[in-house]
Amino acid sequence: LAGSNSIFLGGKIDMPDNDSGSNGK
């Protein structure tokens, strides 16, 4: 994101389950 912009979502953030590493975190 450029500068100090914010993220506004109309839905959800969908990420996979995570057993290790940083995926889905």
mmCIF file of all heavy atoms, coordinates in Angstrom:
data_MODEL
# 
_entry.id   MODEL 
# 
loop_
_atom_site.group_PDB 
_atom_site.id 
_atom_site.type_symbol 
_atom_site.label_atom_id 
_atom_site.label_alt_id 
_atom_site.label_comp_id 
_atom_site.label_asym_id 
_atom_site.label_entity_id 
_atom_site.label_seq_id 
_atom_site.pdbx_PDB_ins_code 
_atom_site.Cartn_x 
_atom_site.Cartn_y 
_atom_site.Cartn_z 
_atom_site.occupancy 
_atom_site.B_iso_or_equiv 
_atom_site.pdbx_formal_charge 
_atom_site.auth_seq_id 
_atom_site.auth_comp_id 
_atom_site.auth_asym_id 
_atom_site.auth_atom_id 
_atom_site.pdbx_PDB_model_num 
ATOM 1   N N   . LEU A 1 1  ? 0.855   -1.176  0.000  1.00 0.00 ? 1  LEU A N   1 
ATOM 2   C CA  . LEU A 1 1  ? 0.000   0.000   0.000  1.00 0.00 ? 1  LEU A CA  1 
ATOM 3   C C   . LEU A 1 1  ? 0.890   1.225   0.000  1.00 0.00 ? 1  LEU A C   1 
ATOM 4   O O   . LEU A 1 1  ? 1.875   1.291   0.723  1.00 0.00 ? 1  LEU A O   1 
ATOM 5   C CB  . LEU A 1 1  ? -0.892  0.025   1.234  1.00 0.00 ? 1  LEU A CB  1 
ATOM 6   C CG  . LEU A 1 1  ? -1.913  -1.094  1.359  1.00 0.00 ? 1  LEU A CG  1 
ATOM 7   C CD1 . LEU A 1 1  ? -2.670  -0.976  2.660  1.00 0.00 ? 1  LEU A CD1 1 
ATOM 8   C CD2 . LEU A 1 1  ? -2.867  -1.080  0.187  1.00 0.00 ? 1  LEU A CD2 1 
ATOM 9   N N   . ALA A 1 2  ? 0.531   2.202   -0.800 1.00 0.00 ? 2  ALA A N   1 
ATOM 10  C CA  . ALA A 1 2  ? 1.324   3.426   -0.866 1.00 0.00 ? 2  ALA A CA  1 
ATOM 11  C C   . ALA A 1 2  ? 1.004   4.324   0.327  1.00 0.00 ? 2  ALA A C   1 
ATOM 12  O O   . ALA A 1 2  ? -0.158  4.470   0.713  1.00 0.00 ? 2  ALA A O   1 
ATOM 13  C CB  . ALA A 1 2  ? 1.022   4.158   -2.167 1.00 0.00 ? 2  ALA A CB  1 
ATOM 14  N N   . GLY A 1 3  ? 2.049   4.913   0.927  1.00 0.00 ? 3  GLY A N   1 
ATOM 15  C CA  . GLY A 1 3  ? 1.851   5.842   2.034  1.00 0.00 ? 3  GLY A CA  1 
ATOM 16  C C   . GLY A 1 3  ? 1.223   5.177   3.233  1.00 0.00 ? 3  GLY A C   1 
ATOM 17  O O   . GLY A 1 3  ? 1.550   4.052   3.597  1.00 0.00 ? 3  GLY A O   1 
ATOM 18  N N   . SER A 1 4  ? 0.287   5.855   3.859  1.00 0.00 ? 4  SER A N   1 
ATOM 19  C CA  . SER A 1 4  ? -0.357  5.318   5.064  1.00 0.00 ? 4  SER A CA  1 
ATOM 20  C C   . SER A 1 4  ? -1.806  4.949   4.770  1.00 0.00 ? 4  SER A C   1 
ATOM 21  O O   . SER A 1 4  ? -2.686  5.213   5.570  1.00 0.00 ? 4  SER A O   1 
ATOM 22  C CB  . SER A 1 4  ? -0.281  6.346   6.193  1.00 0.00 ? 4  SER A CB  1 
ATOM 23  O OG  . SER A 1 4  ? -0.933  7.540   5.792  1.00 0.00 ? 4  SER A OG  1 
ATOM 24  N N   . ASN A 1 5  ? -2.039  4.368   3.626  1.00 0.00 ? 5  ASN A N   1 
ATOM 25  C CA  . ASN A 1 5  ? -3.394  3.978   3.253  1.00 0.00 ? 5  ASN A CA  1 
ATOM 26  C C   . ASN A 1 5  ? -3.874  2.809   4.094  1.00 0.00 ? 5  ASN A C   1 
ATOM 27  O O   . ASN A 1 5  ? -3.084  2.028   4.620  1.00 0.00 ? 5  ASN A O   1 
ATOM 28  C CB  . ASN A 1 5  ? -3.458  3.610   1.765  1.00 0.00 ? 5  ASN A CB  1 
ATOM 29  C CG  . ASN A 1 5  ? -3.235  4.822   0.886  1.00 0.00 ? 5  ASN A CG  1 
ATOM 30  O OD1 . ASN A 1 5  ? -3.873  5.840   1.094  1.00 0.00 ? 5  ASN A OD1 1 
ATOM 31  N ND2 . ASN A 1 5  ? -2.325  4.716   -0.058 1.00 0.00 ? 5  ASN A ND2 1 
ATOM 32  N N   . SER A 1 6  ? -5.173  2.662   4.215  1.00 0.00 ? 6  SER A N   1 
ATOM 33  C CA  . SER A 1 6  ? -5.793  1.582   4.961  1.00 0.00 ? 6  SER A CA  1 
ATOM 34  C C   . SER A 1 6  ? -6.468  0.617   4.007  1.00 0.00 ? 6  SER A C   1 
ATOM 35  O O   . SER A 1 6  ? -6.778  0.970   2.872  1.00 0.00 ? 6  SER A O   1 
ATOM 36  C CB  . SER A 1 6  ? -6.850  2.141   5.923  1.00 0.00 ? 6  SER A CB  1 
ATOM 37  O OG  . SER A 1 6  ? -6.264  3.017   6.844  1.00 0.00 ? 6  SER A OG  1 
ATOM 38  N N   . ILE A 1 7  ? -6.718  -0.575  4.492  1.00 0.00 ? 7  ILE A N   1 
ATOM 39  C CA  . ILE A 1 7  ? -7.464  -1.570  3.725  1.00 0.00 ? 7  ILE A CA  1 
ATOM 40  C C   . ILE A 1 7  ? -8.878  -1.615  4.291  1.00 0.00 ? 7  ILE A C   1 
ATOM 41  O O   . ILE A 1 7  ? -9.065  -1.779  5.494  1.00 0.00 ? 7  ILE A O   1 
ATOM 42  C CB  . ILE A 1 7  ? -6.824  -2.968  3.836  1.00 0.00 ? 7  ILE A CB  1 
ATOM 43  C CG1 . ILE A 1 7  ? -5.428  -2.965  3.237  1.00 0.00 ? 7  ILE A CG1 1 
ATOM 44  C CG2 . ILE A 1 7  ? -7.692  -4.009  3.156  1.00 0.00 ? 7  ILE A CG2 1 
ATOM 45  C CD1 . ILE A 1 7  ? -4.677  -4.263  3.435  1.00 0.00 ? 7  ILE A CD1 1 
ATOM 46  N N   . PHE A 1 8  ? -9.863  -1.463  3.433  1.00 0.00 ? 8  PHE A N   1 
ATOM 47  C CA  . PHE A 1 8  ? -11.253 -1.592  3.831  1.00 0.00 ? 8  PHE A CA  1 
ATOM 48  C C   . PHE A 1 8  ? -11.824 -2.765  3.056  1.00 0.00 ? 8  PHE A C   1 
ATOM 49  O O   . PHE A 1 8  ? -11.755 -2.801  1.827  1.00 0.00 ? 8  PHE A O   1 
ATOM 50  C CB  . PHE A 1 8  ? -12.039 -0.311  3.506  1.00 0.00 ? 8  PHE A CB  1 
ATOM 51  C CG  . PHE A 1 8  ? -11.578 0.872   4.288  1.00 0.00 ? 8  PHE A CG  1 
ATOM 52  C CD1 . PHE A 1 8  ? -10.641 1.746   3.761  1.00 0.00 ? 8  PHE A CD1 1 
ATOM 53  C CD2 . PHE A 1 8  ? -12.053 1.101   5.558  1.00 0.00 ? 8  PHE A CD2 1 
ATOM 54  C CE1 . PHE A 1 8  ? -10.206 2.837   4.474  1.00 0.00 ? 8  PHE A CE1 1 
ATOM 55  C CE2 . PHE A 1 8  ? -11.625 2.194   6.294  1.00 0.00 ? 8  PHE A CE2 1 
ATOM 56  C CZ  . PHE A 1 8  ? -10.696 3.066   5.758  1.00 0.00 ? 8  PHE A CZ  1 
ATOM 57  N N   . LEU A 1 9  ? -12.381 -3.745  3.779  1.00 0.00 ? 9  LEU A N   1 
ATOM 58  C CA  . LEU A 1 9  ? -12.914 -4.939  3.132  1.00 0.00 ? 9  LEU A CA  1 
ATOM 59  C C   . LEU A 1 9  ? -14.426 -4.974  3.268  1.00 0.00 ? 9  LEU A C   1 
ATOM 60  O O   . LEU A 1 9  ? -14.965 -4.668  4.321  1.00 0.00 ? 9  LEU A O   1 
ATOM 61  C CB  . LEU A 1 9  ? -12.333 -6.205  3.776  1.00 0.00 ? 9  LEU A CB  1 
ATOM 62  C CG  . LEU A 1 9  ? -10.823 -6.371  3.688  1.00 0.00 ? 9  LEU A CG  1 
ATOM 63  C CD1 . LEU A 1 9  ? -10.388 -7.574  4.492  1.00 0.00 ? 9  LEU A CD1 1 
ATOM 64  C CD2 . LEU A 1 9  ? -10.389 -6.502  2.247  1.00 0.00 ? 9  LEU A CD2 1 
ATOM 65  N N   . GLY A 1 10 ? -15.086 -5.392  2.218  1.00 0.00 ? 10 GLY A N   1 
ATOM 66  C CA  . GLY A 1 10 ? -16.521 -5.582  2.273  1.00 0.00 ? 10 GLY A CA  1 
ATOM 67  C C   . GLY A 1 10 ? -16.873 -7.030  2.554  1.00 0.00 ? 10 GLY A C   1 
ATOM 68  O O   . GLY A 1 10 ? -18.019 -7.356  2.772  1.00 0.00 ? 10 GLY A O   1 
ATOM 69  N N   . GLY A 1 11 ? -15.863 -7.895  2.576  1.00 0.00 ? 11 GLY A N   1 
ATOM 70  C CA  . GLY A 1 11 ? -16.095 -9.321  2.791  1.00 0.00 ? 11 GLY A CA  1 
ATOM 71  C C   . GLY A 1 11 ? -15.198 -9.864  3.871  1.00 0.00 ? 11 GLY A C   1 
ATOM 72  O O   . GLY A 1 11 ? -15.103 -9.316  4.954  1.00 0.00 ? 11 GLY A O   1 
ATOM 73  N N   . LYS A 1 12 ? -14.480 -10.916 3.567  1.00 0.00 ? 12 LYS A N   1 
ATOM 74  C CA  . LYS A 1 12 ? -13.635 -11.573 4.551  1.00 0.00 ? 12 LYS A CA  1 
ATOM 75  C C   . LYS A 1 12 ? -12.253 -11.814 3.980  1.00 0.00 ? 12 LYS A C   1 
ATOM 76  O O   . LYS A 1 12 ? -12.050 -11.751 2.766  1.00 0.00 ? 12 LYS A O   1 
ATOM 77  C CB  . LYS A 1 12 ? -14.248 -12.891 5.004  1.00 0.00 ? 12 LYS A CB  1 
ATOM 78  C CG  . LYS A 1 12 ? -14.316 -13.944 3.902  1.00 0.00 ? 12 LYS A CG  1 
ATOM 79  C CD  . LYS A 1 12 ? -14.846 -15.262 4.424  1.00 0.00 ? 12 LYS A CD  1 
ATOM 80  C CE  . LYS A 1 12 ? -14.776 -16.328 3.345  1.00 0.00 ? 12 LYS A CE  1 
ATOM 81  N NZ  . LYS A 1 12 ? -15.016 -17.651 3.872  1.00 0.00 ? 12 LYS A NZ  1 
ATOM 82  N N   . ILE A 1 13 ? -11.308 -12.081 4.861  1.00 0.00 ? 13 ILE A N   1 
ATOM 83  C CA  . ILE A 1 13 ? -9.991  -12.551 4.460  1.00 0.00 ? 13 ILE A CA  1 
ATOM 84  C C   . ILE A 1 13 ? -10.034 -14.060 4.608  1.00 0.00 ? 13 ILE A C   1 
ATOM 85  O O   . ILE A 1 13 ? -10.330 -14.567 5.680  1.00 0.00 ? 13 ILE A O   1 
ATOM 86  C CB  . ILE A 1 13 ? -8.878  -11.963 5.358  1.00 0.00 ? 13 ILE A CB  1 
ATOM 87  C CG1 . ILE A 1 13 ? -8.839  -10.446 5.213  1.00 0.00 ? 13 ILE A CG1 1 
ATOM 88  C CG2 . ILE A 1 13 ? -7.528  -12.575 5.005  1.00 0.00 ? 13 ILE A CG2 1 
ATOM 89  C CD1 . ILE A 1 13 ? -7.890  -9.773  6.182  1.00 0.00 ? 13 ILE A CD1 1 
ATOM 90  N N   . ASP A 1 14 ? -9.787  -14.784 3.559  1.00 0.00 ? 14 ASP A N   1 
ATOM 91  C CA  . ASP A 1 14 ? -9.877  -16.239 3.581  1.00 0.00 ? 14 ASP A CA  1 
ATOM 92  C C   . ASP A 1 14 ? -8.481  -16.813 3.356  1.00 0.00 ? 14 ASP A C   1 
ATOM 93  O O   . ASP A 1 14 ? -7.901  -16.626 2.288  1.00 0.00 ? 14 ASP A O   1 
ATOM 94  C CB  . ASP A 1 14 ? -10.842 -16.712 2.493  1.00 0.00 ? 14 ASP A CB  1 
ATOM 95  C CG  . ASP A 1 14 ? -11.258 -18.156 2.659  1.00 0.00 ? 14 ASP A CG  1 
ATOM 96  O OD1 . ASP A 1 14 ? -10.770 -18.820 3.601  1.00 0.00 ? 14 ASP A OD1 1 
ATOM 97  O OD2 . ASP A 1 14 ? -12.055 -18.628 1.841  1.00 0.00 ? 14 ASP A OD2 1 
ATOM 98  N N   . MET A 1 15 ? -7.935  -17.468 4.379  1.00 0.00 ? 15 MET A N   1 
ATOM 99  C CA  . MET A 1 15 ? -6.597  -18.044 4.275  1.00 0.00 ? 15 MET A CA  1 
ATOM 100 C C   . MET A 1 15 ? -6.645  -19.501 4.711  1.00 0.00 ? 15 MET A C   1 
ATOM 101 O O   . MET A 1 15 ? -7.493  -19.885 5.508  1.00 0.00 ? 15 MET A O   1 
ATOM 102 C CB  . MET A 1 15 ? -5.621  -17.269 5.167  1.00 0.00 ? 15 MET A CB  1 
ATOM 103 C CG  . MET A 1 15 ? -5.491  -15.818 4.739  1.00 0.00 ? 15 MET A CG  1 
ATOM 104 S SD  . MET A 1 15 ? -4.207  -14.878 5.585  1.00 0.00 ? 15 MET A SD  1 
ATOM 105 C CE  . MET A 1 15 ? -4.534  -15.117 7.286  1.00 0.00 ? 15 MET A CE  1 
ATOM 106 N N   . PRO A 1 16 ? -5.721  -20.318 4.213  1.00 0.00 ? 16 PRO A N   1 
ATOM 107 C CA  . PRO A 1 16 ? -5.729  -21.742 4.584  1.00 0.00 ? 16 PRO A CA  1 
ATOM 108 C C   . PRO A 1 16 ? -5.306  -21.947 6.032  1.00 0.00 ? 16 PRO A C   1 
ATOM 109 O O   . PRO A 1 16 ? -4.679  -21.083 6.641  1.00 0.00 ? 16 PRO A O   1 
ATOM 110 C CB  . PRO A 1 16 ? -4.693  -22.353 3.627  1.00 0.00 ? 16 PRO A CB  1 
ATOM 111 C CG  . PRO A 1 16 ? -3.773  -21.228 3.310  1.00 0.00 ? 16 PRO A CG  1 
ATOM 112 C CD  . PRO A 1 16 ? -4.618  -19.988 3.301  1.00 0.00 ? 16 PRO A CD  1 
ATOM 113 N N   . ASP A 1 17 ? -5.664  -23.120 6.593  1.00 0.00 ? 17 ASP A N   1 
ATOM 114 C CA  . ASP A 1 17 ? -5.176  -23.494 7.916  1.00 0.00 ? 17 ASP A CA  1 
ATOM 115 C C   . ASP A 1 17 ? -3.666  -23.630 7.871  1.00 0.00 ? 17 ASP A C   1 
ATOM 116 O O   . ASP A 1 17 ? -3.076  -23.881 6.827  1.00 0.00 ? 17 ASP A O   1 
ATOM 117 C CB  . ASP A 1 17 ? -5.799  -24.824 8.371  1.00 0.00 ? 17 ASP A CB  1 
ATOM 118 C CG  . ASP A 1 17 ? -7.269  -24.662 8.717  1.00 0.00 ? 17 ASP A CG  1 
ATOM 119 O OD1 . ASP A 1 17 ? -7.674  -23.549 9.079  1.00 0.00 ? 17 ASP A OD1 1 
ATOM 120 O OD2 . ASP A 1 17 ? -8.002  -25.655 8.637  1.00 0.00 ? 17 ASP A OD2 1 
ATOM 121 N N   . ASN A 1 18 ? -3.027  -23.473 9.032  1.00 0.00 ? 18 ASN A N   1 
ATOM 122 C CA  . ASN A 1 18 ? -1.566  -23.454 9.088  1.00 0.00 ? 18 ASN A CA  1 
ATOM 123 C C   . ASN A 1 18 ? -1.072  -24.363 10.204 1.00 0.00 ? 18 ASN A C   1 
ATOM 124 O O   . ASN A 1 18 ? -1.428  -24.169 11.349 1.00 0.00 ? 18 ASN A O   1 
ATOM 125 C CB  . ASN A 1 18 ? -1.097  -22.027 9.340  1.00 0.00 ? 18 ASN A CB  1 
ATOM 126 C CG  . ASN A 1 18 ? 0.402   -21.943 9.467  1.00 0.00 ? 18 ASN A CG  1 
ATOM 127 O OD1 . ASN A 1 18 ? 1.108   -22.749 8.903  1.00 0.00 ? 18 ASN A OD1 1 
ATOM 128 N ND2 . ASN A 1 18 ? 0.871   -20.980 10.214 1.00 0.00 ? 18 ASN A ND2 1 
ATOM 129 N N   . ASP A 1 19 ? -0.269  -25.343 9.863  1.00 0.00 ? 19 ASP A N   1 
ATOM 130 C CA  . ASP A 1 19 ? 0.355   -26.192 10.882 1.00 0.00 ? 19 ASP A CA  1 
ATOM 131 C C   . ASP A 1 19 ? 1.806   -25.815 11.109 1.00 0.00 ? 19 ASP A C   1 
ATOM 132 O O   . ASP A 1 19 ? 2.399   -26.193 12.107 1.00 0.00 ? 19 ASP A O   1 
ATOM 133 C CB  . ASP A 1 19 ? 0.258   -27.675 10.489 1.00 0.00 ? 19 ASP A CB  1 
ATOM 134 C CG  . ASP A 1 19 ? -1.153  -28.207 10.659 1.00 0.00 ? 19 ASP A CG  1 
ATOM 135 O OD1 . ASP A 1 19 ? -1.823  -27.777 11.609 1.00 0.00 ? 19 ASP A OD1 1 
ATOM 136 O OD2 . ASP A 1 19 ? -1.576  -29.026 9.838  1.00 0.00 ? 19 ASP A OD2 1 
ATOM 137 N N   . SER A 1 20 ? 2.425   -25.092 10.187 1.00 0.00 ? 20 SER A N   1 
ATOM 138 C CA  . SER A 1 20 ? 3.816   -24.661 10.348 1.00 0.00 ? 20 SER A CA  1 
ATOM 139 C C   . SER A 1 20 ? 4.108   -23.538 9.371  1.00 0.00 ? 20 SER A C   1 
ATOM 140 O O   . SER A 1 20 ? 3.345   -23.288 8.453  1.00 0.00 ? 20 SER A O   1 
ATOM 141 C CB  . SER A 1 20 ? 4.774   -25.823 10.096 1.00 0.00 ? 20 SER A CB  1 
ATOM 142 O OG  . SER A 1 20 ? 4.664   -26.252 8.751  1.00 0.00 ? 20 SER A OG  1 
ATOM 143 N N   . GLY A 1 21 ? 5.226   -22.860 9.561  1.00 0.00 ? 21 GLY A N   1 
ATOM 144 C CA  . GLY A 1 21 ? 5.596   -21.768 8.659  1.00 0.00 ? 21 GLY A CA  1 
ATOM 145 C C   . GLY A 1 21 ? 4.723   -20.558 8.851  1.00 0.00 ? 21 GLY A C   1 
ATOM 146 O O   . GLY A 1 21 ? 4.098   -20.383 9.885  1.00 0.00 ? 21 GLY A O   1 
ATOM 147 N N   . SER A 1 22 ? 4.666   -19.723 7.833  1.00 0.00 ? 22 SER A N   1 
ATOM 148 C CA  . SER A 1 22 ? 3.878   -18.502 7.959  1.00 0.00 ? 22 SER A CA  1 
ATOM 149 C C   . SER A 1 22 ? 2.706   -18.449 6.994  1.00 0.00 ? 22 SER A C   1 
ATOM 150 O O   . SER A 1 22 ? 1.989   -17.471 6.967  1.00 0.00 ? 22 SER A O   1 
ATOM 151 C CB  . SER A 1 22 ? 4.784   -17.289 7.749  1.00 0.00 ? 22 SER A CB  1 
ATOM 152 O OG  . SER A 1 22 ? 5.328   -17.320 6.454  1.00 0.00 ? 22 SER A OG  1 
ATOM 153 N N   . ASN A 1 23 ? 2.463   -19.488 6.190  1.00 0.00 ? 23 ASN A N   1 
ATOM 154 C CA  . ASN A 1 23 ? 1.280   -19.517 5.331  1.00 0.00 ? 23 ASN A CA  1 
ATOM 155 C C   . ASN A 1 23 ? 0.031   -19.493 6.186  1.00 0.00 ? 23 ASN A C   1 
ATOM 156 O O   . ASN A 1 23 ? -0.051  -20.194 7.188  1.00 0.00 ? 23 ASN A O   1 
ATOM 157 C CB  . ASN A 1 23 ? 1.257   -20.782 4.473  1.00 0.00 ? 23 ASN A CB  1 
ATOM 158 C CG  . ASN A 1 23 ? 1.866   -20.555 3.120  1.00 0.00 ? 23 ASN A CG  1 
ATOM 159 O OD1 . ASN A 1 23 ? 2.146   -19.432 2.747  1.00 0.00 ? 23 ASN A OD1 1 
ATOM 160 N ND2 . ASN A 1 23 ? 2.071   -21.631 2.389  1.00 0.00 ? 23 ASN A ND2 1 
ATOM 161 N N   . GLY A 1 24 ? -0.949  -18.722 5.776  1.00 0.00 ? 24 GLY A N   1 
ATOM 162 C CA  . GLY A 1 24 ? -2.218  -18.705 6.491  1.00 0.00 ? 24 GLY A CA  1 
ATOM 163 C C   . GLY A 1 24 ? -2.166  -18.019 7.832  1.00 0.00 ? 24 GLY A C   1 
ATOM 164 O O   . GLY A 1 24 ? -3.036  -18.226 8.657  1.00 0.00 ? 24 GLY A O   1 
ATOM 165 N N   . LYS A 1 25 ? -1.155  -17.187 8.088  1.00 0.00 ? 25 LYS A N   1 
ATOM 166 C CA  . LYS A 1 25 ? -1.057  -16.455 9.353  1.00 0.00 ? 25 LYS A CA  1 
ATOM 167 C C   . LYS A 1 25 ? -1.214  -14.973 9.094  1.00 0.00 ? 25 LYS A C   1 
ATOM 168 O O   . LYS A 1 25 ? -0.740  -14.459 8.086  1.00 0.00 ? 25 LYS A O   1 
ATOM 169 C CB  . LYS A 1 25 ? 0.320   -16.648 10.000 1.00 0.00 ? 25 LYS A CB  1 
ATOM 170 C CG  . LYS A 1 25 ? 0.515   -17.949 10.706 1.00 0.00 ? 25 LYS A CG  1 
ATOM 171 C CD  . LYS A 1 25 ? 1.852   -17.937 11.439 1.00 0.00 ? 25 LYS A CD  1 
ATOM 172 C CE  . LYS A 1 25 ? 2.067   -19.221 12.191 1.00 0.00 ? 25 LYS A CE  1 
ATOM 173 N NZ  . LYS A 1 25 ? 3.326   -19.216 12.924 1.00 0.00 ? 25 LYS A NZ  1 
# 
